[in-house]
């Protein structure tokens, strides 16, 4: 009997990265998150940050609509989600990760970076 165990492919580090960068990448894999490429059109996510609760919907050919901020997006607003960062310039593309900061491009306010993400989960149907 042949048994196979599926193990996730984890980041193994690189001598090209500073230790802090490697540590952040590994921490993001441990704390978890969602790659936007794994979300189907029509699905939605709830993202709880230290300051706000956002709803992100993927629709119209995978366009992202975000709501939850009283100034930037009180109603679903079409944005381009870049990914998540640790508060600096290094971005984990198309990823929304716990312990990180969501970064998206707003049509009027340009780049928005949220407070630290506490949780990300699939949203209930609207």
Protein backbone atom coordinates (compact mmCIF):
# COMPACT_ATOMS: atom_id res chain seq x y z
CA UNK A 1 0.00 0.00 0.00
CA UNK A 2 1.47 3.29 -1.11
CA UNK A 3 0.65 6.23 1.14
CA UNK A 4 1.41 9.78 0.20
CA UNK A 5 1.35 12.71 2.53
CA UNK A 6 0.79 16.16 1.09
CA UNK A 7 3.05 18.70 2.74
CA UNK A 8 2.80 22.41 2.02
CA UNK A 9 5.64 24.00 0.12
CA UNK A 10 7.18 26.41 2.61
CA UNK A 11 9.69 29.14 2.01
CA UNK A 12 13.16 27.80 2.75
CA UNK A 13 15.07 31.07 2.83
CA UNK A 14 17.74 32.56 0.67
CA UNK A 15 21.13 34.08 1.30
CA UNK A 16 19.98 36.97 -0.92
CA UNK A 17 17.47 38.13 1.70
CA UNK A 18 18.22 39.83 4.98
CA UNK A 19 17.27 37.79 8.05
CA UNK A 20 14.37 40.13 8.85
CA UNK A 21 12.91 39.61 5.38
CA UNK A 22 13.20 35.82 5.63
CA UNK A 23 11.71 35.91 9.12
CA UNK A 24 8.73 37.96 7.85
CA UNK A 25 8.06 35.61 4.93
CA UNK A 26 8.15 32.55 7.15
CA UNK A 27 5.95 34.27 9.75
CA UNK A 28 3.35 35.08 7.07
CA UNK A 29 3.19 31.42 6.09
CA UNK A 30 2.78 30.32 9.70
CA UNK A 31 0.17 32.95 10.61
CA UNK A 32 -1.74 32.28 7.41
CA UNK A 33 -3.63 34.27 4.88
CA UNK A 34 -5.26 34.10 1.49
CA UNK A 35 -3.81 34.33 -1.99
CA UNK A 36 -6.24 36.25 -4.19
CA UNK A 37 -5.52 33.83 -7.04
CA UNK A 38 -7.25 31.12 -4.97
CA UNK A 39 -10.49 33.12 -4.62
CA UNK A 40 -13.20 32.57 -7.21
CA UNK A 41 -15.14 35.39 -8.86
CA UNK A 42 -18.26 36.09 -6.80
CA UNK A 43 -16.63 35.13 -3.48
CA UNK A 44 -15.98 37.64 -0.72
CA UNK A 45 -13.54 37.99 2.16
CA UNK A 46 -13.86 39.63 5.55
CA UNK A 47 -10.63 41.28 6.65
CA UNK A 48 -10.42 42.43 10.26
CA UNK A 49 -7.65 44.92 10.95
CA UNK A 50 -6.71 46.62 14.21
CA UNK A 51 -8.94 49.58 13.27
CA UNK A 52 -11.56 48.41 10.75
CA UNK A 53 -13.52 45.53 9.32
CA UNK A 54 -13.38 45.36 5.51
CA UNK A 55 -15.34 43.33 3.00
CA UNK A 56 -13.60 42.49 -0.27
CA UNK A 57 -15.65 41.09 -3.15
CA UNK A 58 -14.22 39.68 -6.36
CA UNK A 59 -16.56 40.22 -9.30
CA UNK A 60 -16.74 41.40 -12.90
CA UNK A 61 -13.80 39.42 -14.20
CA UNK A 62 -11.98 39.28 -10.84
CA UNK A 63 -12.20 43.03 -10.15
CA UNK A 64 -11.92 43.80 -6.43
CA UNK A 65 -14.47 45.90 -4.59
CA UNK A 66 -13.71 46.89 -1.00
CA UNK A 67 -15.90 48.50 1.65
CA UNK A 68 -15.56 49.20 5.36
CA UNK A 69 -13.75 52.51 5.73
CA UNK A 70 -15.92 55.62 6.36
CA UNK A 71 -13.80 57.87 4.10
CA UNK A 72 -11.98 55.69 1.54
CA UNK A 73 -14.66 53.07 0.89
CA UNK A 74 -17.97 53.47 2.76
CA UNK A 75 -19.66 51.68 -0.17
CA UNK A 76 -18.08 48.95 -2.34
CA UNK A 77 -15.32 50.74 -4.27
CA UNK A 78 -13.43 49.32 -7.23
CA UNK A 79 -9.75 49.03 -6.24
CA UNK A 80 -6.63 47.16 -7.25
CA UNK A 81 -5.39 45.01 -4.39
CA UNK A 82 -1.62 44.92 -4.45
CA UNK A 83 -1.03 42.54 -1.55
CA UNK A 84 0.30 42.74 2.00
CA UNK A 85 3.39 44.23 3.60
CA UNK A 86 4.97 44.32 7.01
CA UNK A 87 4.64 48.10 7.04
CA UNK A 88 7.64 48.76 4.80
CA UNK A 89 8.27 48.72 1.08
CA UNK A 90 8.44 44.92 0.63
CA UNK A 91 5.12 43.57 -0.62
CA UNK A 92 3.85 39.99 -0.75
CA UNK A 93 1.87 40.28 -4.00
CA UNK A 94 -1.79 39.20 -4.25
CA UNK A 95 -1.69 37.95 -0.64
CA UNK A 96 -3.76 39.07 2.36
CA UNK A 97 -1.94 37.86 5.45
CA UNK A 98 -2.53 37.93 9.18
CA UNK A 99 -0.08 40.18 11.00
CA UNK A 100 0.55 42.17 7.82
CA UNK A 101 -0.91 45.38 6.34
CA UNK A 102 -3.26 45.23 3.34
CA UNK A 103 -2.23 47.54 0.51
CA UNK A 104 -4.58 48.57 -2.30
CA UNK A 105 -4.73 51.20 -5.01
CA UNK A 106 -7.74 53.48 -4.64
CA UNK A 107 -9.00 55.41 -7.72
CA UNK A 108 -9.07 58.73 -5.85
CA UNK A 109 -6.80 58.40 -2.79
CA UNK A 110 -4.04 56.36 -4.49
CA UNK A 111 -2.20 53.82 -2.31
CA UNK A 112 -3.97 52.89 0.92
CA UNK A 113 -2.23 50.81 3.60
CA UNK A 114 -4.42 49.46 6.39
CA UNK A 115 -3.56 48.85 10.02
CA UNK A 116 -2.29 45.36 10.91
CA UNK A 117 -4.54 42.50 9.78
CA UNK A 118 -5.88 40.45 12.68
CA UNK A 119 -7.96 37.96 10.70
CA UNK A 120 -9.02 37.12 7.16
CA UNK A 121 -11.81 34.67 6.34
CA UNK A 122 -14.40 33.85 3.73
CA UNK A 123 -17.43 36.14 4.06
CA UNK A 124 -20.99 34.98 4.25
CA UNK A 125 -23.02 35.46 1.08
CA UNK A 126 -24.48 38.96 0.78
